[in-house]
Structure formats: structure tokens, C-alpha cells
Amino acid sequence: MYTENVKIVELNAENWYDCCELEVSTEQKEYIEPNAISIAQSKFEHTLKPYAIYFEEKVAGFLMYNSIPEELDGYWVYRIMVDKEFQCKGIGKEATKLMITEMAKLPNLKKIVVGYHPENLRAHNLYSSLGFIDNGDRFGKEMAVIKYINE
């Protein structure tokens, strides 16, 4: 695991294009939209907060969350992805921890919610290892898991 070299940086003029070029593995493509779609979405939905994930000063992934509560009275994570070349090194887990720390600064945060396809075992393992709980909430083809934040 290479966790000490992971950081998240708000999307900016220097890193947005690198995020657009990132790709997940072939078997993961059916589970996630391209980063360019998420970046465009953030330009029209101003409550979305996009970040580049860095590993050793190189853009290795992308994440985005909403800064206002939505369904299930929670703050939603919209995207977390790590490029196929950087997967299986603990980068996604460390970036998710950093994102949770950032989200904890949001007003009245009690729940962080993320949706993913039930067949996406990597996502399932990541979120369950970080304390997200499946209460049976479903939105279309996705399941939603919740991390409760202590007050």
C-alpha cells in the first residue's frame, strides 16, 4: 500500500484534463461514467465538488461529492475512480478517507451516502471497509450505502 503519498486537490486548470484522460479497467467501465461527464456536470450543478486524486504528484484518480444533502438526508458521493494503472495500491481507500475528512466540514453532516452497482465487488469492499452500511436502499440498478458521522 502506498497511502502516505496520496492527496486530493480541487479540480483546477492544471489537473482537469489529466482527470479526463483517466480510465478504469474494461470490466469496470459499465459501472461508471467518464470523468469528462462528471466534470461537465459540476459546471452546471455548482454544489458538486470535483477533486483530482494524486499519487506521488501524478493524477491517479477523480472524485466528486455534493455539498448539500439529498436523498436519505445525506451528502452524496457522486464519483470515486482510480485509473487502471494505479489500482490495487490502496490509493482509492486513502483518497476516500481524505474525501470523508473534507466532507466532515460540511454543515450538519450526519450521513455520507454513495451508490454503486451491486455487482461491483471492488466498490462494495472499499465502502464496507470504511464503515458504510447497507440498509437496503436502492435507486434503480444501484444500491446506496451510508456512513453515519458522529456528531
Protein backbone atom coordinates (compact mmCIF):
# COMPACT_ATOMS: atom_id res chain seq x y z
CA MET A 1 0.00 0.00 0.00
CA TYR A 2 1.26 3.43 -0.90
CA THR A 3 -1.01 5.51 1.27
CA GLU A 4 1.37 8.20 2.53
CA ASN A 5 1.73 9.62 -0.99
CA VAL A 6 -1.98 10.17 -1.70
CA LYS A 7 -3.66 13.58 -1.68
CA ILE A 8 -6.80 15.15 -3.14
CA VAL A 9 -6.76 18.55 -4.84
CA GLU A 10 -9.76 20.55 -6.01
CA LEU A 11 -10.17 20.35 -9.76
CA ASN A 12 -8.39 23.26 -11.45
CA ALA A 13 -6.89 24.45 -14.74
CA GLU A 14 -3.78 22.31 -14.21
CA ASN A 15 -5.43 18.95 -13.48
CA TRP A 16 -8.87 18.81 -15.15
CA TYR A 17 -7.61 17.46 -18.48
CA ASP A 18 -5.47 14.80 -16.78
CA CYS A 19 -8.64 13.66 -14.97
CA CYS A 20 -10.45 13.42 -18.32
CA GLU A 21 -7.78 11.06 -19.64
CA LEU A 22 -8.04 8.59 -16.74
CA GLU A 23 -9.70 5.23 -17.38
CA VAL A 24 -10.93 2.36 -15.26
CA SER A 25 -10.35 -1.25 -16.25
CA THR A 26 -12.50 -2.72 -19.03
CA GLU A 27 -14.68 -4.69 -16.62
CA GLN A 28 -15.39 -1.55 -14.57
CA LYS A 29 -16.47 0.69 -17.48
CA GLU A 30 -20.11 -0.40 -17.20
CA TYR A 31 -20.23 0.89 -13.61
CA ILE A 32 -19.07 4.49 -14.01
CA GLU A 33 -19.48 7.47 -16.30
CA PRO A 34 -16.38 9.00 -17.91
CA ASN A 35 -14.77 11.74 -15.81
CA ALA A 36 -15.43 14.31 -18.53
CA ILE A 37 -19.18 13.83 -17.95
CA SER A 38 -18.74 14.40 -14.21
CA ILE A 39 -16.60 17.48 -14.78
CA ALA A 40 -19.18 18.94 -17.15
CA GLN A 41 -21.93 18.15 -14.63
CA SER A 42 -20.03 20.05 -11.94
CA LYS A 43 -20.01 23.17 -14.12
CA PHE A 44 -23.82 23.21 -14.19
CA GLU A 45 -24.56 21.85 -10.72
CA HIS A 46 -22.50 24.23 -8.62
CA THR A 47 -22.94 22.30 -5.37
CA LEU A 48 -20.83 19.44 -6.76
CA LYS A 49 -17.20 19.43 -5.61
CA PRO A 50 -14.78 17.69 -8.03
CA TYR A 51 -11.27 16.68 -6.97
CA ALA A 52 -8.24 15.10 -8.61
CA ILE A 53 -6.63 12.24 -6.71
CA TYR A 54 -2.84 12.45 -6.73
CA PHE A 55 -0.35 9.68 -6.09
CA GLU A 56 3.26 10.82 -5.84
CA GLU A 57 2.44 14.12 -7.61
CA LYS A 58 0.75 12.36 -10.56
CA VAL A 59 -3.00 12.48 -11.21
CA ALA A 60 -4.21 8.95 -10.49
CA GLY A 61 -7.96 9.34 -9.97
CA PHE A 62 -11.02 11.51 -9.66
CA LEU A 63 -13.75 12.01 -7.10
CA MET A 64 -16.76 14.25 -6.70
CA TYR A 65 -19.34 14.83 -3.98
CA ASN A 66 -22.32 17.10 -3.38
CA SER A 67 -22.04 19.84 -0.79
CA ILE A 68 -25.76 19.83 0.02
CA PRO A 69 -27.90 16.99 1.41
CA GLU A 70 -30.06 14.96 -0.96
CA GLU A 71 -31.96 11.66 -0.79
CA LEU A 72 -31.83 9.79 2.52
CA ASP A 73 -30.96 13.14 4.14
CA GLY A 74 -27.33 12.53 3.28
CA TYR A 75 -24.49 14.15 1.42
CA TRP A 76 -23.85 12.05 -1.67
CA VAL A 77 -20.61 10.91 -3.21
CA TYR A 78 -21.07 11.10 -6.98
CA ARG A 79 -17.81 9.61 -8.24
CA ILE A 80 -14.72 7.87 -6.98
CA MET A 81 -12.42 6.29 -9.52
CA VAL A 82 -8.77 5.33 -9.75
CA ASP A 83 -7.05 4.89 -13.12
CA LYS A 84 -6.45 1.27 -14.12
CA GLU A 85 -2.67 1.80 -13.88
CA PHE A 86 -2.93 2.83 -10.21
CA GLN A 87 -5.47 0.32 -8.91
CA CYS A 88 -4.88 -2.23 -6.14
CA LYS A 89 -2.39 0.01 -4.29
CA GLY A 90 -4.71 1.42 -1.61
CA ILE A 91 -5.00 4.78 -3.39
CA GLY A 92 -8.79 4.69 -3.64
CA LYS A 93 -9.19 3.87 0.03
CA GLU A 94 -6.86 6.66 1.15
CA ALA A 95 -8.49 9.16 -1.22
CA THR A 96 -11.91 8.17 0.13
CA LYS A 97 -10.70 8.76 3.70
CA LEU A 98 -9.42 12.20 2.67
CA MET A 99 -12.74 12.94 0.99
CA ILE A 100 -14.64 11.93 4.15
CA THR A 101 -12.44 14.34 6.12
CA GLU A 102 -13.28 17.14 3.66
CA MET A 103 -16.98 16.29 3.73
CA ALA A 104 -16.96 16.33 7.55
CA LYS A 105 -16.54 20.12 7.27
CA LEU A 106 -19.97 20.44 5.61
CA PRO A 107 -22.79 21.89 7.75
CA ASN A 108 -24.84 19.42 9.79
CA LEU A 109 -23.21 16.39 8.17
CA LYS A 110 -24.67 13.24 9.71
CA LYS A 111 -24.64 10.83 6.75
CA ILE A 112 -22.48 10.27 3.70
CA VAL A 113 -24.22 8.21 1.02
CA VAL A 114 -22.78 6.51 -2.04
CA GLY A 115 -24.49 4.46 -4.71
CA TYR A 116 -22.96 1.67 -6.74
CA HIS A 117 -23.93 -1.38 -8.75
CA PRO A 118 -24.30 -4.47 -6.52
CA GLU A 119 -22.05 -6.48 -8.87
CA ASN A 120 -19.17 -4.01 -8.36
CA LEU A 121 -17.29 -6.01 -5.73
CA ARG A 122 -14.36 -3.59 -5.56
CA ALA A 123 -16.72 -0.76 -4.63
CA HIS A 124 -18.50 -2.98 -2.13
CA ASN A 125 -15.24 -3.98 -0.43
CA LEU A 126 -13.99 -0.37 -0.34
CA TYR A 127 -17.11 1.10 1.21
CA SER A 128 -17.72 -1.70 3.71
CA SER A 129 -14.08 -1.45 4.86
CA LEU A 130 -14.69 2.24 5.62
CA GLY A 131 -17.83 1.67 7.67
CA PHE A 132 -20.56 2.24 5.08
CA ILE A 133 -23.69 0.22 5.89
CA ASP A 134 -26.25 -1.28 3.53
CA ASN A 135 -29.74 -0.56 4.90
CA GLY A 136 -31.42 -1.94 1.79
CA ASP A 137 -31.82 1.39 -0.01
CA ARG A 138 -32.00 1.03 -3.79
CA PHE A 139 -32.14 3.62 -6.58
CA GLY A 140 -32.75 1.98 -9.94
CA LYS A 141 -29.95 -0.51 -10.56
CA GLU A 142 -27.79 0.92 -7.78
CA MET A 143 -27.66 0.21 -4.10
CA ALA A 144 -26.99 3.06 -1.66
CA VAL A 145 -24.79 2.58 1.39
CA ILE A 146 -24.47 5.02 4.27
CA LYS A 147 -21.66 6.09 6.57
CA TYR A 148 -23.01 7.65 9.73
CA ILE A 149 -20.89 10.51 11.03
CA ASN A 150 -20.76 11.04 14.80
CA GLU A 151 -21.75 14.45 15.97
